[in-house]
PDB file of N, CA and C in Angstrom:
ATOM      1  N   MET A   1     -88.457 169.264   7.299  1.00  0.00           N
ATOM      2  CA  MET A   1     -87.527 169.865   6.373  1.00  0.00           C
ATOM      3  C   MET A   1     -86.423 168.860   6.046  1.00  0.00           C
ATOM      4  N   GLN A   2     -86.141 168.706   4.756  1.00  0.00           N
ATOM      5  CA  GLN A   2     -85.138 167.740   4.327  1.00  0.00           C
ATOM      6  C   GLN A   2     -83.755 168.386   4.310  1.00  0.00           C
ATOM      7  N   ARG A   3     -82.806 167.622   4.740  1.00  0.00           N
ATOM      8  CA  ARG A   3     -81.438 168.115   4.832  1.00  0.00           C
ATOM      9  C   ARG A   3     -80.739 168.016   3.474  1.00  0.00           C
ATOM     10  N   SER A   4     -79.999 169.031   3.105  1.00  0.00           N
ATOM     11  CA  SER A   4     -79.250 169.067   1.850  1.00  0.00           C
ATOM     12  C   SER A   4     -78.102 168.071   1.896  1.00  0.00           C
ATOM     13  N   ARG A   5     -77.785 167.475   0.763  1.00  0.00           N
ATOM     14  CA  ARG A   5     -76.712 166.481   0.690  1.00  0.00           C
ATOM     15  C   ARG A   5     -75.536 166.998  -0.127  1.00  0.00           C
ATOM     16  N   GLY A   6     -74.799 167.890   0.367  1.00  0.00           N
ATOM     17  CA  GLY A   6     -73.568 168.326  -0.273  1.00  0.00           C
ATOM     18  C   GLY A   6     -73.779 169.008  -1.610  1.00  0.00           C
ATOM     19  N   ASN A   7     -72.749 168.985  -2.412  1.00  0.00           N
ATOM     20  CA  ASN A   7     -72.736 169.645  -3.698  1.00  0.00           C
ATOM     21  C   ASN A   7     -73.441 168.776  -4.740  1.00  0.00           C
ATOM     22  N   ARG A   8     -74.520 169.264  -5.277  1.00  0.00           N
ATOM     23  CA  ARG A   8     -75.262 168.516  -6.295  1.00  0.00           C
ATOM     24  C   ARG A   8     -74.728 168.888  -7.676  1.00  0.00           C
ATOM     25  N   ASN A   9     -74.365 167.880  -8.433  1.00  0.00           N
ATOM     26  CA  ASN A   9     -73.871 168.098  -9.784  1.00  0.00           C
ATOM     27  C   ASN A   9     -74.879 167.582 -10.788  1.00  0.00           C
ATOM     28  N   THR A  10     -74.855 168.174 -11.961  1.00  0.00           N
ATOM     29  CA  THR A  10     -75.725 167.690 -13.020  1.00  0.00           C
ATOM     30  C   THR A  10     -75.152 166.402 -13.572  1.00  0.00           C
ATOM     31  N   TYR A  11     -75.995 165.663 -14.251  1.00  0.00           N
ATOM     32  CA  TYR A  11     -75.567 164.408 -14.880  1.00  0.00           C
ATOM     33  C   TYR A  11     -74.403 164.672 -15.837  1.00  0.00           C
ATOM     34  N   ALA A  12     -74.476 165.750 -16.590  1.00  0.00           N
ATOM     35  CA  ALA A  12     -73.416 166.086 -17.544  1.00  0.00           C
ATOM     36  C   ALA A  12     -72.087 166.328 -16.839  1.00  0.00           C
ATOM     37  N   LYS A  13     -72.124 167.028 -15.705  1.00  0.00           N
ATOM     38  CA  LYS A  13     -70.889 167.284 -14.957  1.00  0.00           C
ATOM     39  C   LYS A  13     -70.310 165.988 -14.395  1.00  0.00           C
ATOM     40  N   ILE A  14     -71.183 165.129 -13.905  1.00  0.00           N
ATOM     41  CA  ILE A  14     -70.722 163.847 -13.356  1.00  0.00           C
ATOM     42  C   ILE A  14     -70.078 163.015 -14.458  1.00  0.00           C
ATOM     43  N   GLU A  15     -70.722 162.949 -15.620  1.00  0.00           N
ATOM     44  CA  GLU A  15     -70.173 162.173 -16.734  1.00  0.00           C
ATOM     45  C   GLU A  15     -68.857 162.758 -17.229  1.00  0.00           C
ATOM     46  N   ALA A  16     -68.743 164.070 -17.249  1.00  0.00           N
ATOM     47  CA  ALA A  16     -67.486 164.718 -17.656  1.00  0.00           C
ATOM     48  C   ALA A  16     -66.380 164.371 -16.661  1.00  0.00           C
ATOM     49  N   ARG A  17     -66.710 164.380 -15.374  1.00  0.00           N
ATOM     50  CA  ARG A  17     -65.727 164.028 -14.338  1.00  0.00           C
ATOM     51  C   ARG A  17     -65.292 162.574 -14.502  1.00  0.00           C
ATOM     52  N   ARG A  18     -66.251 161.694 -14.762  1.00  0.00           N
ATOM     53  CA  ARG A  18     -65.925 160.276 -14.941  1.00  0.00           C
ATOM     54  C   ARG A  18     -65.060 160.070 -16.174  1.00  0.00           C
ATOM     55  N   ALA A  19     -65.319 160.819 -17.234  1.00  0.00           N
ATOM     56  CA  ALA A  19     -64.487 160.717 -18.439  1.00  0.00           C
ATOM     57  C   ALA A  19     -63.054 161.150 -18.131  1.00  0.00           C
ATOM     58  N   LYS A  20     -62.901 162.211 -17.342  1.00  0.00           N
ATOM     59  CA  LYS A  20     -61.558 162.643 -16.931  1.00  0.00           C
ATOM     60  C   LYS A  20     -60.895 161.565 -16.079  1.00  0.00           C
ATOM     61  N   ALA A  21     -61.674 160.931 -15.204  1.00  0.00           N
ATOM     62  CA  ALA A  21     -61.121 159.877 -14.355  1.00  0.00           C
ATOM     63  C   ALA A  21     -60.569 158.743 -15.212  1.00  0.00           C
ATOM     64  N   VAL A  22     -61.309 158.346 -16.247  1.00  0.00           N
ATOM     65  CA  VAL A  22     -60.843 157.280 -17.142  1.00  0.00           C
ATOM     66  C   VAL A  22     -59.547 157.707 -17.823  1.00  0.00           C
ATOM     67  N   LYS A  23     -59.505 158.934 -18.302  1.00  0.00           N
ATOM     68  CA  LYS A  23     -58.294 159.451 -18.959  1.00  0.00           C
ATOM     69  C   LYS A  23     -57.101 159.388 -18.005  1.00  0.00           C
ATOM     70  N   PHE A  24     -57.298 159.859 -16.789  1.00  0.00           N
ATOM     71  CA  PHE A  24     -56.211 159.877 -15.815  1.00  0.00           C
ATOM     72  C   PHE A  24     -55.805 158.454 -15.401  1.00  0.00           C
ATOM     73  N   MET A  25     -56.790 157.552 -15.282  1.00  0.00           N
ATOM     74  CA  MET A  25     -56.470 156.162 -14.941  1.00  0.00           C
ATOM     75  C   MET A  25     -55.604 155.539 -16.028  1.00  0.00           C
ATOM     76  N   ASN A  26     -55.926 155.844 -17.286  1.00  0.00           N
ATOM     77  CA  ASN A  26     -55.138 155.321 -18.400  1.00  0.00           C
ATOM     78  C   ASN A  26     -53.722 155.875 -18.408  1.00  0.00           C
ATOM     79  N   GLU A  27     -53.538 157.012 -17.771  1.00  0.00           N
ATOM     80  CA  GLU A  27     -52.200 157.600 -17.628  1.00  0.00           C
ATOM     81  C   GLU A  27     -51.456 157.019 -16.425  1.00  0.00           C
ATOM     82  N   GLY A  28     -52.142 156.159 -15.647  1.00  0.00           N
ATOM     83  CA  GLY A  28     -51.495 155.477 -14.536  1.00  0.00           C
ATOM     84  C   GLY A  28     -51.614 156.144 -13.185  1.00  0.00           C
ATOM     85  N   MET A  29     -52.498 157.109 -13.052  1.00  0.00           N
ATOM     86  CA  MET A  29     -52.657 157.777 -11.760  1.00  0.00           C
ATOM     87  C   MET A  29     -53.231 156.820 -10.720  1.00  0.00           C
ATOM     88  N   THR A  30     -52.807 156.995  -9.480  1.00  0.00           N
ATOM     89  CA  THR A  30     -53.374 156.235  -8.378  1.00  0.00           C
ATOM     90  C   THR A  30     -54.735 156.837  -8.014  1.00  0.00           C
ATOM     91  N   LYS A  31     -55.485 156.126  -7.206  1.00  0.00           N
ATOM     92  CA  LYS A  31     -56.791 156.633  -6.790  1.00  0.00           C
ATOM     93  C   LYS A  31     -56.654 157.908  -5.965  1.00  0.00           C
ATOM     94  N   THR A  32     -55.642 157.968  -5.145  1.00  0.00           N
ATOM     95  CA  THR A  32     -55.407 159.185  -4.355  1.00  0.00           C
ATOM     96  C   THR A  32     -55.114 160.357  -5.280  1.00  0.00           C
ATOM     97  N   GLU A  33     -54.258 160.133  -6.269  1.00  0.00           N
ATOM     98  CA  GLU A  33     -53.943 161.193  -7.231  1.00  0.00           C
ATOM     99  C   GLU A  33     -55.181 161.614  -8.024  1.00  0.00           C
ATOM    100  N   LEU A  34     -56.008 160.624  -8.384  1.00  0.00           N
ATOM    101  CA  LEU A  34     -57.244 160.931  -9.116  1.00  0.00           C
ATOM    102  C   LEU A  34     -58.142 161.855  -8.306  1.00  0.00           C
ATOM    103  N   ALA A  35     -58.363 161.490  -7.056  1.00  0.00           N
ATOM    104  CA  ALA A  35     -59.238 162.300  -6.196  1.00  0.00           C
ATOM    105  C   ALA A  35     -58.697 163.716  -6.068  1.00  0.00           C
ATOM    106  N   GLU A  36     -57.395 163.844  -5.897  1.00  0.00           N
ATOM    107  CA  GLU A  36     -56.801 165.168  -5.767  1.00  0.00           C
ATOM    108  C   GLU A  36     -56.930 165.958  -7.069  1.00  0.00           C
ATOM    109  N   GLN A  37     -56.630 165.317  -8.184  1.00  0.00           N
ATOM    110  CA  GLN A  37     -56.685 165.984  -9.485  1.00  0.00           C
ATOM    111  C   GLN A  37     -58.106 166.432  -9.830  1.00  0.00           C
ATOM    112  N   LEU A  38     -59.081 165.580  -9.510  1.00  0.00           N
ATOM    113  CA  LEU A  38     -60.479 165.894  -9.819  1.00  0.00           C
ATOM    114  C   LEU A  38     -61.140 166.760  -8.744  1.00  0.00           C
ATOM    115  N   ARG A  39     -60.413 166.952  -7.631  1.00  0.00           N
ATOM    116  CA  ARG A  39     -60.908 167.734  -6.496  1.00  0.00           C
ATOM    117  C   ARG A  39     -62.229 167.187  -5.964  1.00  0.00           C
ATOM    118  N   ILE A  40     -62.208 165.863  -5.726  1.00  0.00           N
ATOM    119  CA  ILE A  40     -63.371 165.190  -5.158  1.00  0.00           C
ATOM    120  C   ILE A  40     -62.919 164.339  -3.987  1.00  0.00           C
ATOM    121  N   SER A  41     -63.861 163.946  -3.167  1.00  0.00           N
ATOM    122  CA  SER A  41     -63.529 163.086  -2.033  1.00  0.00           C
ATOM    123  C   SER A  41     -63.257 161.669  -2.529  1.00  0.00           C
ATOM    124  N   ARG A  42     -62.584 160.895  -1.688  1.00  0.00           N
ATOM    125  CA  ARG A  42     -62.338 159.487  -2.046  1.00  0.00           C
ATOM    126  C   ARG A  42     -63.658 158.731  -2.166  1.00  0.00           C
ATOM    127  N   ALA A  43     -64.638 159.083  -1.340  1.00  0.00           N
ATOM    128  CA  ALA A  43     -65.944 158.416  -1.419  1.00  0.00           C
ATOM    129  C   ALA A  43     -66.603 158.675  -2.772  1.00  0.00           C
ATOM    130  N   THR A  44     -66.528 159.897  -3.250  1.00  0.00           N
ATOM    131  CA  THR A  44     -67.094 160.221  -4.565  1.00  0.00           C
ATOM    132  C   THR A  44     -66.349 159.477  -5.659  1.00  0.00           C
ATOM    133  N   LEU A  45     -65.031 159.411  -5.526  1.00  0.00           N
ATOM    134  CA  LEU A  45     -64.241 158.681  -6.510  1.00  0.00           C
ATOM    135  C   LEU A  45     -64.635 157.210  -6.534  1.00  0.00           C
ATOM    136  N   TRP A  46     -64.787 156.601  -5.360  1.00  0.00           N
ATOM    137  CA  TRP A  46     -65.178 155.183  -5.307  1.00  0.00           C
ATOM    138  C   TRP A  46     -66.536 154.973  -5.961  1.00  0.00           C
ATOM    139  N   ARG A  47     -67.472 155.893  -5.721  1.00  0.00           N
ATOM    140  CA  ARG A  47     -68.796 155.782  -6.365  1.00  0.00           C
ATOM    141  C   ARG A  47     -68.663 155.885  -7.879  1.00  0.00           C
ATOM    142  N   ASP A  48     -67.844 156.834  -8.339  1.00  0.00           N
ATOM    143  CA  ASP A  48     -67.638 156.991  -9.779  1.00  0.00           C
ATOM    144  C   ASP A  48     -67.015 155.737 -10.381  1.00  0.00           C
ATOM    145  N   LEU A  49     -65.998 155.189  -9.719  1.00  0.00           N
ATOM    146  CA  LEU A  49     -65.339 153.994 -10.246  1.00  0.00           C
ATOM    147  C   LEU A  49     -66.282 152.793 -10.256  1.00  0.00           C
ATOM    148  N   ALA A  50     -67.100 152.674  -9.216  1.00  0.00           N
ATOM    149  CA  ALA A  50     -68.075 151.580  -9.174  1.00  0.00           C
ATOM    150  C   ALA A  50     -69.071 151.717 -10.323  1.00  0.00           C
ATOM    151  N   SER A  51     -69.509 152.929 -10.581  1.00  0.00           N
ATOM    152  CA  SER A  51     -70.440 153.171 -11.682  1.00  0.00           C
ATOM    153  C   SER A  51     -69.798 152.835 -13.028  1.00  0.00           C
ATOM    154  N   LEU A  52     -68.546 153.234 -13.200  1.00  0.00           N
ATOM    155  CA  LEU A  52     -67.841 152.924 -14.446  1.00  0.00           C
ATOM    156  C   LEU A  52     -67.659 151.422 -14.632  1.00  0.00           C
ATOM    157  N   ARG A  53     -67.337 150.705 -13.540  1.00  0.00           N
ATOM    158  CA  ARG A  53     -67.190 149.249 -13.623  1.00  0.00           C
ATOM    159  C   ARG A  53     -68.505 148.597 -14.034  1.00  0.00           C
ATOM    160  N   GLU A  54     -69.582 149.017 -13.403  1.00  0.00           N
ATOM    161  CA  GLU A  54     -70.899 148.448 -13.726  1.00  0.00           C
ATOM    162  C   GLU A  54     -71.278 148.740 -15.172  1.00  0.00           C
ATOM    163  N   ARG A  55     -70.988 149.950 -15.621  1.00  0.00           N
ATOM    164  CA  ARG A  55     -71.286 150.297 -17.009  1.00  0.00           C
ATOM    165  C   ARG A  55     -70.462 149.429 -17.962  1.00  0.00           C
ATOM    166  N   TYR A  56     -69.188 149.252 -17.643  1.00  0.00           N
ATOM    167  CA  TYR A  56     -68.329 148.424 -18.483  1.00  0.00           C
ATOM    168  C   TYR A  56     -68.862 146.993 -18.539  1.00  0.00           C
ATOM    169  N   LYS A  57     -69.238 146.466 -17.385  1.00  0.00           N
ATOM    170  CA  LYS A  57     -69.771 145.107 -17.341  1.00  0.00           C
ATOM    171  C   LYS A  57     -71.005 144.967 -18.219  1.00  0.00           C
ATOM    172  N   SER A  58     -71.906 145.932 -18.134  1.00  0.00           N
ATOM    173  CA  SER A  58     -73.154 145.815 -18.897  1.00  0.00           C
ATOM    174  C   SER A  58     -72.940 146.082 -20.381  1.00  0.00           C
ATOM    175  N   GLU A  59     -72.045 147.014 -20.728  1.00  0.00           N
ATOM    176  CA  GLU A  59     -71.816 147.340 -22.136  1.00  0.00           C
ATOM    177  C   GLU A  59     -70.880 146.359 -22.825  1.00  0.00           C
ATOM    178  N   ASN A  60     -70.060 145.669 -22.062  1.00  0.00           N
ATOM    179  CA  ASN A  60     -69.081 144.737 -22.615  1.00  0.00           C
ATOM    180  C   ASN A  60     -69.170 143.402 -21.904  1.00  0.00           C
ATOM    181  N   SER A  61     -70.380 142.923 -21.723  1.00  0.00           N
ATOM    182  CA  SER A  61     -70.592 141.750 -20.875  1.00  0.00           C
ATOM    183  C   SER A  61     -69.828 140.519 -21.371  1.00  0.00           C
ATOM    184  N   GLU A  62     -69.774 140.289 -22.680  1.00  0.00           N
ATOM    185  CA  GLU A  62     -69.047 139.120 -23.189  1.00  0.00           C
ATOM    186  C   GLU A  62     -67.545 139.255 -22.932  1.00  0.00           C
ATOM    187  N   GLU A  63     -67.022 140.425 -23.192  1.00  0.00           N
ATOM    188  CA  GLU A  63     -65.590 140.671 -22.968  1.00  0.00           C
ATOM    189  C   GLU A  63     -65.255 140.570 -21.482  1.00  0.00           C
ATOM    190  N   PHE A  64     -66.108 141.150 -20.640  1.00  0.00           N
ATOM    191  CA  PHE A  64     -65.869 141.105 -19.201  1.00  0.00           C
ATOM    192  C   PHE A  64     -65.939 139.669 -18.687  1.00  0.00           C
ATOM    193  N   GLU A  65     -66.917 138.906 -19.163  1.00  0.00           N
ATOM    194  CA  GLU A  65     -67.062 137.512 -18.732  1.00  0.00           C
ATOM    195  C   GLU A  65     -65.864 136.681 -19.177  1.00  0.00           C
ATOM    196  N   ALA A  66     -65.359 136.922 -20.379  1.00  0.00           N
ATOM    197  CA  ALA A  66     -64.170 136.209 -20.860  1.00  0.00           C
ATOM    198  C   ALA A  66     -62.964 136.536 -19.984  1.00  0.00           C
ATOM    199  N   TYR A  67     -62.818 137.810 -19.616  1.00  0.00           N
ATOM    200  CA  TYR A  67     -61.724 138.222 -18.732  1.00  0.00           C
ATOM    201  C   TYR A  67     -61.844 137.545 -17.376  1.00  0.00           C
ATOM    202  N   ARG A  68     -63.064 137.555 -16.827  1.00  0.00           N
ATOM    203  CA  ARG A  68     -63.296 136.934 -15.521  1.00  0.00           C
ATOM    204  C   ARG A  68     -62.989 135.447 -15.554  1.00  0.00           C
ATOM    205  N   LYS A  69     -63.402 134.756 -16.601  1.00  0.00           N
ATOM    206  CA  LYS A  69     -63.136 133.320 -16.726  1.00  0.00           C
ATOM    207  C   LYS A  69     -61.635 133.051 -16.865  1.00  0.00           C
ATOM    208  N   ALA A  70     -60.935 133.890 -17.607  1.00  0.00           N
ATOM    209  CA  ALA A  70     -59.490 133.726 -17.755  1.00  0.00           C
ATOM    210  C   ALA A  70     -58.793 133.885 -16.408  1.00  0.00           C
ATOM    211  N   GLN A  71     -59.213 134.899 -15.633  1.00  0.00           N
ATOM    212  CA  GLN A  71     -58.620 135.106 -14.313  1.00  0.00           C
ATOM    213  C   GLN A  71     -58.900 133.928 -13.395  1.00  0.00           C
ATOM    214  N   LEU A  72     -60.120 133.403 -13.439  1.00  0.00           N
ATOM    215  CA  LEU A  72     -60.467 132.245 -12.630  1.00  0.00           C
ATOM    216  C   LEU A  72     -59.620 131.038 -13.023  1.00  0.00           C
ATOM    217  N   GLY A  73     -59.404 130.846 -14.323  1.00  0.00           N
ATOM    218  CA  GLY A  73     -58.565 129.745 -14.798  1.00  0.00           C
ATOM    219  C   GLY A  73     -57.140 129.841 -14.268  1.00  0.00           C
ATOM    220  N   ILE A  74     -56.601 131.049 -14.268  1.00  0.00           N
ATOM    221  CA  ILE A  74     -55.244 131.259 -13.749  1.00  0.00           C
ATOM    222  C   ILE A  74     -55.186 130.927 -12.263  1.00  0.00           C
ATOM    223  N   LEU A  75     -56.174 131.389 -11.505  1.00  0.00           N
ATOM    224  CA  LEU A  75     -56.200 131.102 -10.064  1.00  0.00           C
ATOM    225  C   LEU A  75     -56.319 129.601  -9.807  1.00  0.00           C
ATOM    226  N   GLU A  76     -57.087 128.910 -10.636  1.00  0.00           N
ATOM    227  CA  GLU A  76     -57.214 127.454 -10.480  1.00  0.00           C
ATOM    228  C   GLU A  76     -55.898 126.748 -10.805  1.00  0.00           C
ATOM    229  N   GLN A  77     -55.157 127.239 -11.792  1.00  0.00           N
ATOM    230  CA  GLN A  77     -53.841 126.673 -12.098  1.00  0.00           C
ATOM    231  C   GLN A  77     -52.878 126.870 -10.930  1.00  0.00           C
ATOM    232  N   ILE A  78     -52.905 128.039 -10.348  1.00  0.00           N
ATOM    233  CA  ILE A  78     -52.042 128.303  -9.188  1.00  0.00           C
ATOM    234  C   ILE A  78     -52.424 127.380  -8.042  1.00  0.00           C
ATOM    235  N   GLU A  79     -53.709 127.235  -7.800  1.00  0.00           N
ATOM    236  CA  GLU A  79     -54.163 126.346  -6.733  1.00  0.00           C
ATOM    237  C   GLU A  79     -53.657 124.925  -6.968  1.00  0.00           C
ATOM    238  N   GLY A  80     -53.765 124.447  -8.203  1.00  0.00           N
ATOM    239  CA  GLY A  80     -53.264 123.107  -8.527  1.00  0.00           C
ATOM    240  C   GLY A  80     -51.766 122.994  -8.304  1.00  0.00           C
ATOM    241  N   SER A  81     -51.027 124.030  -8.664  1.00  0.00           N
ATOM    242  CA  SER A  81     -49.576 124.026  -8.468  1.00  0.00           C
ATOM    243  C   SER A  81     -49.206 123.994  -6.996  1.00  0.00           C
ATOM    244  N   ILE A  82     -49.990 124.680  -6.169  1.00  0.00           N
ATOM    245  CA  ILE A  82     -49.737 124.662  -4.721  1.00  0.00           C
ATOM    246  C   ILE A  82     -50.007 123.264  -4.178  1.00  0.00           C
ATOM    247  N   VAL A  83     -51.136 122.679  -4.574  1.00  0.00           N
ATOM    248  CA  VAL A  83     -51.507 121.349  -4.092  1.00  0.00           C
ATOM    249  C   VAL A  83     -50.461 120.318  -4.499  1.00  0.00           C
ATOM    250  N   GLN A  84     -49.943 120.446  -5.705  1.00  0.00           N
ATOM    251  CA  GLN A  84     -48.937 119.499  -6.204  1.00  0.00           C
ATOM    252  C   GLN A  84     -47.540 119.795  -5.669  1.00  0.00           C
ATOM    253  N   GLY A  85     -47.370 120.903  -4.987  1.00  0.00           N
ATOM    254  CA  GLY A  85     -46.071 121.260  -4.432  1.00  0.00           C
ATOM    255  C   GLY A  85     -45.128 121.871  -5.451  1.00  0.00           C
ATOM    256  N   ILE A  86     -45.650 122.277  -6.606  1.00  0.00           N
ATOM    257  CA  ILE A  86     -44.813 122.875  -7.650  1.00  0.00           C
ATOM    258  C   ILE A  86     -44.358 124.273  -7.248  1.00  0.00           C
ATOM    259  N   VAL A  87     -45.264 125.033  -6.628  1.00  0.00           N
ATOM    260  CA  VAL A  87     -44.904 126.363  -6.130  1.00  0.00           C
ATOM    261  C   VAL A  87     -45.293 126.456  -4.665  1.00  0.00           C
ATOM    262  N   SER A  88     -44.582 127.287  -3.945  1.00  0.00           N
ATOM    263  CA  SER A  88     -44.872 127.448  -2.524  1.00  0.00           C
ATOM    264  C   SER A  88     -46.068 128.381  -2.349  1.00  0.00           C
ATOM    265  N   PRO A  89     -46.789 128.224  -1.259  1.00  0.00           N
ATOM    266  CA  PRO A  89     -47.902 129.142  -0.982  1.00  0.00           C
ATOM    267  C   PRO A  89     -47.444 130.606  -0.900  1.00  0.00           C
ATOM    268  N   ASP A  90     -46.238 130.839  -0.383  1.00  0.00           N
ATOM    269  CA  ASP A  90     -45.729 132.214  -0.301  1.00  0.00           C
ATOM    270  C   ASP A  90     -45.554 132.819  -1.689  1.00  0.00           C
ATOM    271  N   PHE A  91     -44.996 132.029  -2.608  1.00  0.00           N
ATOM    272  CA  PHE A  91     -44.823 132.496  -3.987  1.00  0.00           C
ATOM    273  C   PHE A  91     -46.179 132.779  -4.617  1.00  0.00           C
ATOM    274  N   ALA A  92     -47.136 131.882  -4.415  1.00  0.00           N
ATOM    275  CA  ALA A  92     -48.482 132.053  -4.983  1.00  0.00           C
ATOM    276  C   ALA A  92     -49.146 133.310  -4.424  1.00  0.00           C
ATOM    277  N   ASN A  93     -48.991 133.550  -3.125  1.00  0.00           N
ATOM    278  CA  ASN A  93     -49.569 134.754  -2.526  1.00  0.00           C
ATOM    279  C   ASN A  93     -48.929 136.015  -3.086  1.00  0.00           C
ATOM    280  N   ALA A  94     -47.621 135.972  -3.280  1.00  0.00           N
ATOM    281  CA  ALA A  94     -46.930 137.129  -3.853  1.00  0.00           C
ATOM    282  C   ALA A  94     -47.414 137.380  -5.278  1.00  0.00           C
ATOM    283  N   TRP A  95     -47.560 136.324  -6.051  1.00  0.00           N
ATOM    284  CA  TRP A  95     -48.042 136.466  -7.415  1.00  0.00           C
ATOM    285  C   TRP A  95     -49.472 137.010  -7.432  1.00  0.00           C
ATOM    286  N   ARG A  96     -50.311 136.491  -6.545  1.00  0.00           N
ATOM    287  CA  ARG A  96     -51.698 136.944  -6.480  1.00  0.00           C
ATOM    288  C   ARG A  96     -51.755 138.432  -6.143  1.00  0.00           C
ATOM    289  N   GLN A  97     -50.871 138.886  -5.267  1.00  0.00           N
ATOM    290  CA  GLN A  97     -50.831 140.312  -4.920  1.00  0.00           C
ATOM    291  C   GLN A  97     -50.428 141.151  -6.126  1.00  0.00           C
ATOM    292  N   VAL A  98     -49.466 140.658  -6.899  1.00  0.00           N
ATOM    293  CA  VAL A  98     -49.063 141.374  -8.114  1.00  0.00           C
ATOM    294  C   VAL A  98     -50.242 141.474  -9.072  1.00  0.00           C
ATOM    295  N   ARG A  99     -50.963 140.368  -9.281  1.00  0.00           N
ATOM    296  CA  ARG A  99     -52.133 140.376 -10.176  1.00  0.00           C
ATOM    297  C   ARG A  99     -53.194 141.341  -9.652  1.00  0.00           C
ATOM    298  N   SER A 100     -53.380 141.355  -8.348  1.00  0.00           N
ATOM    299  CA  SER A 100     -54.357 142.258  -7.753  1.00  0.00           C
ATOM    300  C   SER A 100     -53.971 143.712  -8.017  1.00  0.00           C
ATOM    301  N   ASP A 101     -52.687 144.012  -7.886  1.00  0.00           N
ATOM    302  CA  ASP A 101     -52.206 145.363  -8.170  1.00  0.00           C
ATOM    303  C   ASP A 101     -52.434 145.730  -9.631  1.00  0.00           C
ATOM    304  N   ILE A 102     -52.176 144.786 -10.521  1.00  0.00           N
ATOM    305  CA  ILE A 102     -52.398 145.026 -11.948  1.00  0.00           C
ATOM    306  C   ILE A 102     -53.875 145.278 -12.215  1.00  0.00           C
ATOM    307  N   ASP A 103     -54.737 144.463 -11.627  1.00  0.00           N
ATOM    308  CA  ASP A 103     -56.166 144.650 -11.806  1.00  0.00           C
ATOM    309  C   ASP A 103     -56.627 145.999 -11.280  1.00  0.00           C
ATOM    310  N   ARG A 104     -56.078 146.426 -10.146  1.00  0.00           N
ATOM    311  CA  ARG A 104     -56.442 147.742  -9.610  1.00  0.00           C
ATOM    312  C   ARG A 104     -55.980 148.838 -10.559  1.00  0.00           C
ATOM    313  N   ARG A 105     -54.785 148.683 -11.121  1.00  0.00           N
ATOM    314  CA  ARG A 105     -54.282 149.675 -12.072  1.00  0.00           C
ATOM    315  C   ARG A 105     -55.166 149.706 -13.315  1.00  0.00           C
ATOM    316  N   ALA A 106     -55.651 148.511 -13.708  1.00  0.00           N
ATOM    317  CA  ALA A 106     -56.536 148.424 -14.868  1.00  0.00           C
ATOM    318  C   ALA A 106     -57.965 148.780 -14.474  1.00  0.00           C
ATOM    319  N   HIS A 107     -58.207 148.896 -13.168  1.00  0.00           N
ATOM    320  CA  HIS A 107     -59.517 149.294 -12.626  1.00  0.00           C
ATOM    321  C   HIS A 107     -60.606 148.318 -13.037  1.00  0.00           C
ATOM    322  N   VAL A 108     -60.276 147.062 -12.863  1.00  0.00           N
ATOM    323  CA  VAL A 108     -61.253 146.000 -13.182  1.00  0.00           C
ATOM    324  C   VAL A 108     -61.932 145.555 -11.925  1.00  0.00           C
TER     325      VAL A 108
END
């Protein structure tokens, strides 16, 4: 006998939930707030966000690749500045954390 795996939703319900998640993310909600608002577990939210990221990558591959290359270029500039002594490693780490926070807010 196979064990049931929680609440099974239809594809339409899952897509509707993901659309709401995108709307709420654009309003600036945190992941915790999203999970609470959508009444889903954090694990379900992470799966939904991963699915949305993958869909974005495949549907907007050129745009996503351009974004990724731009981010890599910025990180390489920071690395060069650290090596040259233009900025301190502490400053670079703080900046990288800010960029990481922005990327999380943008859900990239």
